[in-house]
Each structure stands twice: as C-alpha cells, then as structure tokens.
C-alpha cells in the first residue's frame, strides 16, 4: 500500500503584545475563515491566553496544543479536532 502524506493547511496569527481578550478574538476570527481540519499557529505574550484558549477549544471542540518559548506562548489549534490520520487511513 502506498501512503500519501496528508498535508494540513496552516495559518498564523501574531497576537504578541496584545492584551486579553484580543488574542482570543484574533483566534476566533481566523478559525471562522478556516475549513475543518486546518490549523492555526497563534503567538501570544498575554498569560491569560492559556486559560482562554483552553476553555474556548474545549467548548468549540477544537484540538489545542501549546508550549512556552522564551517570552511567547505558541498555540497550535486544529479546527474541530479532525482525525489525526490521512483520509486514506481512515477508511478500512
């Protein structure tokens, strides 16, 4: 079987220097423009963003991962948390 890599469209939002609630608002605006399964990387310096993003993604069903790099939170949000496998691998 040949496995074809499944590429995910990835967008970026720079919310560094913005205070609450702007990083979350910027995320919501970008998510609204995205298709299911696409990802957005959000860079934010506001400490409250971690709590805000966790609550929003849990409520909306999006997949969230993040890490703290230097003085910046780096969030990766996948719209609607679509399956992690390529479409060919989903059907068996």
PDB file of N, CA and C in Angstrom:
ATOM      1  N   UNK A   1       0.844  -1.178   0.000  1.00  0.00           N
ATOM      2  CA  UNK A   1       0.000   0.000   0.000  1.00  0.00           C
ATOM      3  C   UNK A   1       0.892   1.244   0.000  1.00  0.00           C
ATOM      4  N   UNK A   2       0.539   2.189  -0.811  1.00  0.00           N
ATOM      5  CA  UNK A   2       1.253   3.456  -0.863  1.00  0.00           C
ATOM      6  C   UNK A   2       0.534   4.445   0.043  1.00  0.00           C
ATOM      7  N   UNK A   3       1.297   5.085   0.936  1.00  0.00           N
ATOM      8  CA  UNK A   3       0.714   6.085   1.826  1.00  0.00           C
ATOM      9  C   UNK A   3       1.072   7.460   1.298  1.00  0.00           C
ATOM     10  N   UNK A   4       0.067   8.244   1.031  1.00  0.00           N
ATOM     11  CA  UNK A   4       0.261   9.607   0.546  1.00  0.00           C
ATOM     12  C   UNK A   4       0.210  10.537   1.746  1.00  0.00           C
ATOM     13  N   UNK A   5       1.252  11.367   1.925  1.00  0.00           N
ATOM     14  CA  UNK A   5       1.241  12.281   3.072  1.00  0.00           C
ATOM     15  C   UNK A   5       0.024  13.199   3.036  1.00  0.00           C
ATOM     16  N   UNK A   6      -0.552  13.425   4.195  1.00  0.00           N
ATOM     17  CA  UNK A   6      -1.713  14.294   4.337  1.00  0.00           C
ATOM     18  C   UNK A   6      -1.233  15.637   4.860  1.00  0.00           C
ATOM     19  N   UNK A   7      -1.257  16.648   4.005  1.00  0.00           N
ATOM     20  CA  UNK A   7      -0.799  17.965   4.421  1.00  0.00           C
ATOM     21  C   UNK A   7      -1.967  18.778   4.936  1.00  0.00           C
ATOM     22  N   UNK A   8      -1.728  19.453   6.041  1.00  0.00           N
ATOM     23  CA  UNK A   8      -2.741  20.286   6.665  1.00  0.00           C
ATOM     24  C   UNK A   8      -2.396  21.737   6.384  1.00  0.00           C
ATOM     25  N   UNK A   9      -3.383  22.516   5.933  1.00  0.00           N
ATOM     26  CA  UNK A   9      -3.150  23.944   5.751  1.00  0.00           C
ATOM     27  C   UNK A   9      -2.918  24.565   7.116  1.00  0.00           C
ATOM     28  N   UNK A  10      -1.894  25.404   7.210  1.00  0.00           N
ATOM     29  CA  UNK A  10      -1.550  26.013   8.488  1.00  0.00           C
ATOM     30  C   UNK A  10      -1.491  27.531   8.308  1.00  0.00           C
ATOM     31  N   UNK A  11      -2.218  28.208   9.162  1.00  0.00           N
ATOM     32  CA  UNK A  11      -2.277  29.665   9.158  1.00  0.00           C
ATOM     33  C   UNK A  11      -1.513  30.184  10.366  1.00  0.00           C
ATOM     34  N   UNK A  12      -1.214  31.479  10.394  1.00  0.00           N
ATOM     35  CA  UNK A  12      -0.510  32.046  11.541  1.00  0.00           C
ATOM     36  C   UNK A  12      -1.153  33.360  11.965  1.00  0.00           C
ATOM     37  N   UNK A  13      -1.264  33.546  13.283  1.00  0.00           N
ATOM     38  CA  UNK A  13      -1.771  34.786  13.867  1.00  0.00           C
ATOM     39  C   UNK A  13      -0.738  35.264  14.873  1.00  0.00           C
ATOM     40  N   UNK A  14      -0.258  36.488  14.695  1.00  0.00           N
ATOM     41  CA  UNK A  14       0.692  37.075  15.639  1.00  0.00           C
ATOM     42  C   UNK A  14      -0.071  37.998  16.577  1.00  0.00           C
ATOM     43  N   UNK A  15      -0.293  37.537  17.797  1.00  0.00           N
ATOM     44  CA  UNK A  15      -1.014  38.329  18.799  1.00  0.00           C
ATOM     45  C   UNK A  15      -0.069  38.789  19.909  1.00  0.00           C
ATOM     46  N   UNK A  16       1.221  38.817  19.622  1.00  0.00           N
ATOM     47  CA  UNK A  16       2.201  39.253  20.612  1.00  0.00           C
ATOM     48  C   UNK A  16       1.970  40.719  20.969  1.00  0.00           C
ATOM     49  N   UNK A  17       2.030  41.017  22.249  1.00  0.00           N
ATOM     50  CA  UNK A  17       1.843  42.389  22.705  1.00  0.00           C
ATOM     51  C   UNK A  17       0.393  42.777  22.908  1.00  0.00           C
ATOM     52  N   UNK A  18      -0.535  41.924  22.510  1.00  0.00           N
ATOM     53  CA  UNK A  18      -1.954  42.227  22.685  1.00  0.00           C
ATOM     54  C   UNK A  18      -2.442  41.686  24.023  1.00  0.00           C
ATOM     55  N   UNK A  19      -3.292  42.456  24.685  1.00  0.00           N
ATOM     56  CA  UNK A  19      -3.859  42.046  25.972  1.00  0.00           C
ATOM     57  C   UNK A  19      -5.211  41.387  25.765  1.00  0.00           C
ATOM     58  N   UNK A  20      -5.622  40.633  26.778  1.00  0.00           N
ATOM     59  CA  UNK A  20      -6.931  39.986  26.809  1.00  0.00           C
ATOM     60  C   UNK A  20      -8.027  41.024  26.564  1.00  0.00           C
ATOM     61  N   UNK A  21      -8.968  40.752  25.721  1.00  0.00           N
ATOM     62  CA  UNK A  21      -9.318  39.488  25.068  1.00  0.00           C
ATOM     63  C   UNK A  21      -8.847  39.388  23.624  1.00  0.00           C
ATOM     64  N   UNK A  22      -7.944  40.269  23.198  1.00  0.00           N
ATOM     65  CA  UNK A  22      -7.576  40.343  21.783  1.00  0.00           C
ATOM     66  C   UNK A  22      -6.954  39.058  21.213  1.00  0.00           C
ATOM     67  N   UNK A  23      -6.049  38.355  21.914  1.00  0.00           N
ATOM     68  CA  UNK A  23      -5.536  37.116  21.311  1.00  0.00           C
ATOM     69  C   UNK A  23      -6.648  36.107  21.007  1.00  0.00           C
ATOM     70  N   UNK A  24      -7.596  35.966  21.921  1.00  0.00           N
ATOM     71  CA  UNK A  24      -8.713  35.041  21.692  1.00  0.00           C
ATOM     72  C   UNK A  24      -9.594  35.521  20.545  1.00  0.00           C
ATOM     73  N   UNK A  25      -9.843  36.805  20.468  1.00  0.00           N
ATOM     74  CA  UNK A  25     -10.645  37.358  19.375  1.00  0.00           C
ATOM     75  C   UNK A  25      -9.965  37.108  18.032  1.00  0.00           C
ATOM     76  N   UNK A  26      -8.649  37.325  17.972  1.00  0.00           N
ATOM     77  CA  UNK A  26      -7.905  37.076  16.730  1.00  0.00           C
ATOM     78  C   UNK A  26      -7.987  35.594  16.336  1.00  0.00           C
ATOM     79  N   UNK A  27      -7.892  34.698  17.335  1.00  0.00           N
ATOM     80  CA  UNK A  27      -8.029  33.266  17.054  1.00  0.00           C
ATOM     81  C   UNK A  27      -9.407  32.959  16.486  1.00  0.00           C
ATOM     82  N   UNK A  28     -10.446  33.468  17.126  1.00  0.00           N
ATOM     83  CA  UNK A  28     -11.813  33.199  16.662  1.00  0.00           C
ATOM     84  C   UNK A  28     -12.039  33.714  15.249  1.00  0.00           C
ATOM     85  N   UNK A  29     -11.496  34.894  14.932  1.00  0.00           N
ATOM     86  CA  UNK A  29     -11.645  35.444  13.581  1.00  0.00           C
ATOM     87  C   UNK A  29     -10.980  34.536  12.551  1.00  0.00           C
ATOM     88  N   UNK A  30      -9.785  34.039  12.874  1.00  0.00           N
ATOM     89  CA  UNK A  30      -9.075  33.160  11.940  1.00  0.00           C
ATOM     90  C   UNK A  30      -9.794  31.825  11.795  1.00  0.00           C
ATOM     91  N   UNK A  31     -10.226  31.244  12.903  1.00  0.00           N
ATOM     92  CA  UNK A  31     -10.956  29.964  12.869  1.00  0.00           C
ATOM     93  C   UNK A  31     -12.186  30.075  11.970  1.00  0.00           C
ATOM     94  N   UNK A  32     -12.875  31.200  12.038  1.00  0.00           N
ATOM     95  CA  UNK A  32     -14.082  31.414  11.233  1.00  0.00           C
ATOM     96  C   UNK A  32     -13.775  31.336   9.733  1.00  0.00           C
ATOM     97  N   UNK A  33     -12.566  31.727   9.332  1.00  0.00           N
ATOM     98  CA  UNK A  33     -12.179  31.732   7.913  1.00  0.00           C
ATOM     99  C   UNK A  33     -11.595  30.396   7.444  1.00  0.00           C
ATOM    100  N   UNK A  34     -11.426  29.450   8.355  1.00  0.00           N
ATOM    101  CA  UNK A  34     -10.755  28.194   8.033  1.00  0.00           C
ATOM    102  C   UNK A  34     -11.737  27.059   7.768  1.00  0.00           C
ATOM    103  N   UNK A  35     -11.257  26.069   7.033  1.00  0.00           N
ATOM    104  CA  UNK A  35     -12.031  24.841   6.807  1.00  0.00           C
ATOM    105  C   UNK A  35     -11.722  23.850   7.923  1.00  0.00           C
ATOM    106  N   UNK A  36     -12.627  22.902   8.129  1.00  0.00           N
ATOM    107  CA  UNK A  36     -12.386  21.850   9.115  1.00  0.00           C
ATOM    108  C   UNK A  36     -11.071  21.137   8.805  1.00  0.00           C
ATOM    109  N   UNK A  37     -10.301  20.865   9.848  1.00  0.00           N
ATOM    110  CA  UNK A  37      -9.038  20.164   9.695  1.00  0.00           C
ATOM    111  C   UNK A  37      -7.835  21.065   9.519  1.00  0.00           C
ATOM    112  N   UNK A  38      -8.040  22.328   9.167  1.00  0.00           N
ATOM    113  CA  UNK A  38      -6.919  23.251   9.034  1.00  0.00           C
ATOM    114  C   UNK A  38      -6.416  23.664  10.412  1.00  0.00           C
ATOM    115  N   UNK A  39      -5.158  24.118  10.455  1.00  0.00           N
ATOM    116  CA  UNK A  39      -4.542  24.530  11.708  1.00  0.00           C
ATOM    117  C   UNK A  39      -4.142  25.994  11.672  1.00  0.00           C
ATOM    118  N   UNK A  40      -4.110  26.585  12.854  1.00  0.00           N
ATOM    119  CA  UNK A  40      -3.613  27.947  13.003  1.00  0.00           C
ATOM    120  C   UNK A  40      -2.607  27.951  14.144  1.00  0.00           C
ATOM    121  N   UNK A  41      -1.485  28.628  13.918  1.00  0.00           N
ATOM    122  CA  UNK A  41      -0.476  28.836  14.949  1.00  0.00           C
ATOM    123  C   UNK A  41      -0.666  30.253  15.457  1.00  0.00           C
ATOM    124  N   UNK A  42      -0.836  30.393  16.765  1.00  0.00           N
ATOM    125  CA  UNK A  42      -1.031  31.711  17.374  1.00  0.00           C
ATOM    126  C   UNK A  42       0.135  31.981  18.309  1.00  0.00           C
ATOM    127  N   UNK A  43       0.767  33.135  18.131  1.00  0.00           N
ATOM    128  CA  UNK A  43       1.828  33.592  19.022  1.00  0.00           C
ATOM    129  C   UNK A  43       1.237  34.653  19.926  1.00  0.00           C
ATOM    130  N   UNK A  44       1.357  34.470  21.241  1.00  0.00           N
ATOM    131  CA  UNK A  44       0.762  35.414  22.189  1.00  0.00           C
ATOM    132  C   UNK A  44       1.667  35.571  23.404  1.00  0.00           C
ATOM    133  N   UNK A  45       1.713  36.787  23.938  1.00  0.00           N
ATOM    134  CA  UNK A  45       2.506  37.061  25.133  1.00  0.00           C
ATOM    135  C   UNK A  45       1.635  37.250  26.364  1.00  0.00           C
ATOM    136  N   UNK A  46       0.336  37.375  26.200  1.00  0.00           N
ATOM    137  CA  UNK A  46      -0.581  37.555  27.326  1.00  0.00           C
ATOM    138  C   UNK A  46      -0.757  36.229  28.064  1.00  0.00           C
ATOM    139  N   UNK A  47      -0.419  36.211  29.356  1.00  0.00           N
ATOM    140  CA  UNK A  47      -0.501  34.990  30.152  1.00  0.00           C
ATOM    141  C   UNK A  47      -1.897  34.415  30.264  1.00  0.00           C
ATOM    142  N   UNK A  48      -2.917  35.258  30.190  1.00  0.00           N
ATOM    143  CA  UNK A  48      -4.293  34.788  30.281  1.00  0.00           C
ATOM    144  C   UNK A  48      -4.750  34.014  29.061  1.00  0.00           C
ATOM    145  N   UNK A  49      -3.960  34.064  28.000  1.00  0.00           N
ATOM    146  CA  UNK A  49      -4.333  33.370  26.765  1.00  0.00           C
ATOM    147  C   UNK A  49      -4.400  31.860  26.956  1.00  0.00           C
ATOM    148  N   UNK A  50      -3.553  31.312  27.818  1.00  0.00           N
ATOM    149  CA  UNK A  50      -3.552  29.859  28.032  1.00  0.00           C
ATOM    150  C   UNK A  50      -4.922  29.412  28.524  1.00  0.00           C
ATOM    151  N   UNK A  51      -5.399  30.050  29.551  1.00  0.00           N
ATOM    152  CA  UNK A  51      -6.713  29.708  30.121  1.00  0.00           C
ATOM    153  C   UNK A  51      -7.828  29.963  29.103  1.00  0.00           C
ATOM    154  N   UNK A  52      -7.764  31.111  28.422  1.00  0.00           N
ATOM    155  CA  UNK A  52      -8.793  31.467  27.439  1.00  0.00           C
ATOM    156  C   UNK A  52      -8.844  30.469  26.286  1.00  0.00           C
ATOM    157  N   UNK A  53      -7.675  30.108  25.741  1.00  0.00           N
ATOM    158  CA  UNK A  53      -7.622  29.199  24.601  1.00  0.00           C
ATOM    159  C   UNK A  53      -8.087  27.803  25.000  1.00  0.00           C
ATOM    160  N   UNK A  54      -7.679  27.340  26.199  1.00  0.00           N
ATOM    161  CA  UNK A  54      -8.115  26.020  26.664  1.00  0.00           C
ATOM    162  C   UNK A  54      -9.634  25.950  26.769  1.00  0.00           C
ATOM    163  N   UNK A  55     -10.236  26.965  27.386  1.00  0.00           N
ATOM    164  CA  UNK A  55     -11.694  26.977  27.568  1.00  0.00           C
ATOM    165  C   UNK A  55     -12.413  27.048  26.223  1.00  0.00           C
ATOM    166  N   UNK A  56     -11.946  27.925  25.334  1.00  0.00           N
ATOM    167  CA  UNK A  56     -12.589  28.085  24.029  1.00  0.00           C
ATOM    168  C   UNK A  56     -12.499  26.795  23.207  1.00  0.00           C
ATOM    169  N   UNK A  57     -11.307  26.200  23.143  1.00  0.00           N
ATOM    170  CA  UNK A  57     -11.130  24.997  22.329  1.00  0.00           C
ATOM    171  C   UNK A  57     -11.925  23.824  22.884  1.00  0.00           C
ATOM    172  N   UNK A  58     -11.994  23.709  24.189  1.00  0.00           N
ATOM    173  CA  UNK A  58     -12.791  22.640  24.794  1.00  0.00           C
ATOM    174  C   UNK A  58     -14.262  22.818  24.447  1.00  0.00           C
ATOM    175  N   UNK A  59     -14.763  24.037  24.567  1.00  0.00           N
ATOM    176  CA  UNK A  59     -16.173  24.332  24.289  1.00  0.00           C
ATOM    177  C   UNK A  59     -16.500  24.141  22.808  1.00  0.00           C
ATOM    178  N   UNK A  60     -15.584  24.547  21.924  1.00  0.00           N
ATOM    179  CA  UNK A  60     -15.845  24.503  20.485  1.00  0.00           C
ATOM    180  C   UNK A  60     -15.467  23.166  19.846  1.00  0.00           C
ATOM    181  N   UNK A  61     -14.743  22.328  20.564  1.00  0.00           N
ATOM    182  CA  UNK A  61     -14.357  21.032  20.017  1.00  0.00           C
ATOM    183  C   UNK A  61     -13.099  21.050  19.174  1.00  0.00           C
ATOM    184  N   UNK A  62     -12.313  22.121  19.255  1.00  0.00           N
ATOM    185  CA  UNK A  62     -11.059  22.205  18.509  1.00  0.00           C
ATOM    186  C   UNK A  62      -9.950  21.510  19.289  1.00  0.00           C
ATOM    187  N   UNK A  63      -8.915  21.070  18.577  1.00  0.00           N
ATOM    188  CA  UNK A  63      -7.759  20.450  19.202  1.00  0.00           C
ATOM    189  C   UNK A  63      -6.725  21.532  19.485  1.00  0.00           C
ATOM    190  N   UNK A  64      -6.185  21.544  20.706  1.00  0.00           N
ATOM    191  CA  UNK A  64      -5.226  22.569  21.116  1.00  0.00           C
ATOM    192  C   UNK A  64      -3.953  21.925  21.635  1.00  0.00           C
ATOM    193  N   UNK A  65      -2.825  22.462  21.192  1.00  0.00           N
ATOM    194  CA  UNK A  65      -1.543  22.136  21.811  1.00  0.00           C
ATOM    195  C   UNK A  65      -0.774  23.445  21.931  1.00  0.00           C
ATOM    196  N   UNK A  66       0.078  23.529  22.944  1.00  0.00           N
ATOM    197  CA  UNK A  66       0.853  24.753  23.104  1.00  0.00           C
ATOM    198  C   UNK A  66       2.111  24.503  23.903  1.00  0.00           C
ATOM    199  N   UNK A  67       3.025  25.442  23.765  1.00  0.00           N
ATOM    200  CA  UNK A  67       4.246  25.429  24.554  1.00  0.00           C
ATOM    201  C   UNK A  67       4.686  26.874  24.768  1.00  0.00           C
ATOM    202  N   UNK A  68       5.527  27.055  25.756  1.00  0.00           N
ATOM    203  CA  UNK A  68       6.045  28.382  26.072  1.00  0.00           C
ATOM    204  C   UNK A  68       7.479  28.443  25.579  1.00  0.00           C
ATOM    205  N   UNK A  69       7.764  29.371  24.672  1.00  0.00           N
ATOM    206  CA  UNK A  69       9.108  29.534  24.110  1.00  0.00           C
ATOM    207  C   UNK A  69       9.610  30.936  24.438  1.00  0.00           C
ATOM    208  N   UNK A  70      10.581  31.012  25.309  1.00  0.00           N
ATOM    209  CA  UNK A  70      11.134  32.317  25.672  1.00  0.00           C
ATOM    210  C   UNK A  70      10.100  33.135  26.402  1.00  0.00           C
ATOM    211  N   UNK A  71       9.626  34.181  25.772  1.00  0.00           N
ATOM    212  CA  UNK A  71       8.597  35.033  26.383  1.00  0.00           C
ATOM    213  C   UNK A  71       7.282  34.968  25.609  1.00  0.00           C
ATOM    214  N   UNK A  72       7.092  33.882  24.875  1.00  0.00           N
ATOM    215  CA  UNK A  72       5.921  33.791  23.995  1.00  0.00           C
ATOM    216  C   UNK A  72       5.236  32.426  24.120  1.00  0.00           C
ATOM    217  N   UNK A  73       3.917  32.448  24.190  1.00  0.00           N
ATOM    218  CA  UNK A  73       3.123  31.220  24.130  1.00  0.00           C
ATOM    219  C   UNK A  73       2.903  30.899  22.653  1.00  0.00           C
ATOM    220  N   UNK A  74       3.139  29.660  22.281  1.00  0.00           N
ATOM    221  CA  UNK A  74       2.918  29.216  20.905  1.00  0.00           C
ATOM    222  C   UNK A  74       1.802  28.175  20.947  1.00  0.00           C
ATOM    223  N   UNK A  75       0.659  28.541  20.381  1.00  0.00           N
ATOM    224  CA  UNK A  75      -0.517  27.672  20.359  1.00  0.00           C
ATOM    225  C   UNK A  75      -0.700  27.111  18.956  1.00  0.00           C
ATOM    226  N   UNK A  76      -1.101  25.861  18.860  1.00  0.00           N
ATOM    227  CA  UNK A  76      -1.496  25.271  17.581  1.00  0.00           C
ATOM    228  C   UNK A  76      -2.917  24.756  17.777  1.00  0.00           C
ATOM    229  N   UNK A  77      -3.833  25.295  16.982  1.00  0.00           N
ATOM    230  CA  UNK A  77      -5.244  24.928  17.088  1.00  0.00           C
ATOM    231  C   UNK A  77      -5.675  24.303  15.771  1.00  0.00           C
ATOM    232  N   UNK A  78      -6.245  23.113  15.855  1.00  0.00           N
ATOM    233  CA  UNK A  78      -6.814  22.448  14.678  1.00  0.00           C
ATOM    234  C   UNK A  78      -8.322  22.586  14.760  1.00  0.00           C
ATOM    235  N   UNK A  79      -8.910  23.177  13.722  1.00  0.00           N
ATOM    236  CA  UNK A  79     -10.348  23.419  13.720  1.00  0.00           C
ATOM    237  C   UNK A  79     -11.127  22.113  13.811  1.00  0.00           C
ATOM    238  N   UNK A  80     -12.023  22.057  14.758  1.00  0.00           N
ATOM    239  CA  UNK A  80     -12.935  20.937  15.001  1.00  0.00           C
ATOM    240  C   UNK A  80     -12.244  19.627  15.302  1.00  0.00           C
ATOM    241  N   UNK A  81     -10.930  19.655  15.553  1.00  0.00           N
ATOM    242  CA  UNK A  81     -10.226  18.460  16.004  1.00  0.00           C
ATOM    243  C   UNK A  81     -10.392  17.257  15.110  1.00  0.00           C
ATOM    244  N   UNK A  82     -10.350  17.441  13.792  1.00  0.00           N
ATOM    245  CA  UNK A  82     -10.496  16.332  12.857  1.00  0.00           C
ATOM    246  C   UNK A  82      -9.495  15.235  13.172  1.00  0.00           C
ATOM    247  N   UNK A  83      -9.756  14.049  12.725  1.00  0.00           N
ATOM    248  CA  UNK A  83      -8.899  12.889  12.991  1.00  0.00           C
ATOM    249  C   UNK A  83      -7.459  13.168  12.584  1.00  0.00           C
ATOM    250  N   UNK A  84      -6.532  12.553  13.282  1.00  0.00           N
ATOM    251  CA  UNK A  84      -5.109  12.775  13.070  1.00  0.00           C
ATOM    252  C   UNK A  84      -4.555  12.002  11.873  1.00  0.00           C
ATOM    253  N   UNK A  85      -5.313  11.096  11.286  1.00  0.00           N
ATOM    254  CA  UNK A  85      -4.804  10.274  10.198  1.00  0.00           C
ATOM    255  C   UNK A  85      -5.204  10.844   8.849  1.00  0.00           C
ATOM    256  N   UNK A  86      -4.460  10.423   7.842  1.00  0.00           N
ATOM    257  CA  UNK A  86      -4.774  10.842   6.480  1.00  0.00           C
ATOM    258  C   UNK A  86      -6.101  10.225   6.064  1.00  0.00           C
ATOM    259  N   UNK A  87      -6.812  10.860   5.126  1.00  0.00           N
ATOM    260  CA  UNK A  87      -8.115  10.342   4.703  1.00  0.00           C
ATOM    261  C   UNK A  87      -8.065   8.886   4.251  1.00  0.00           C
ATOM    262  N   UNK A  88      -7.002   8.464   3.536  1.00  0.00           N
ATOM    263  CA  UNK A  88      -6.889   7.082   3.068  1.00  0.00           C
ATOM    264  C   UNK A  88      -6.787   6.098   4.226  1.00  0.00           C
ATOM    265  N   UNK A  89      -6.229   6.539   5.356  1.00  0.00           N
ATOM    266  CA  UNK A  89      -6.042   5.661   6.500  1.00  0.00           C
ATOM    267  C   UNK A  89      -7.297   5.564   7.359  1.00  0.00           C
ATOM    268  N   UNK A  90      -8.247   6.461   7.164  1.00  0.00           N
ATOM    269  CA  UNK A  90      -9.457   6.473   7.976  1.00  0.00           C
ATOM    270  C   UNK A  90     -10.435   5.384   7.568  1.00  0.00           C
ATOM    271  N   UNK A  91     -10.416   4.998   6.297  1.00  0.00           N
ATOM    272  CA  UNK A  91     -11.365   4.010   5.789  1.00  0.00           C
ATOM    273  C   UNK A  91     -10.643   2.681   5.649  1.00  0.00           C
ATOM    274  N   UNK A  92     -11.136   1.676   6.334  1.00  0.00           N
ATOM    275  CA  UNK A  92     -10.510   0.343   6.269  1.00  0.00           C
ATOM    276  C   UNK A  92     -11.580  -0.693   6.062  1.00  0.00           C
TER     277      UNK A  92
END
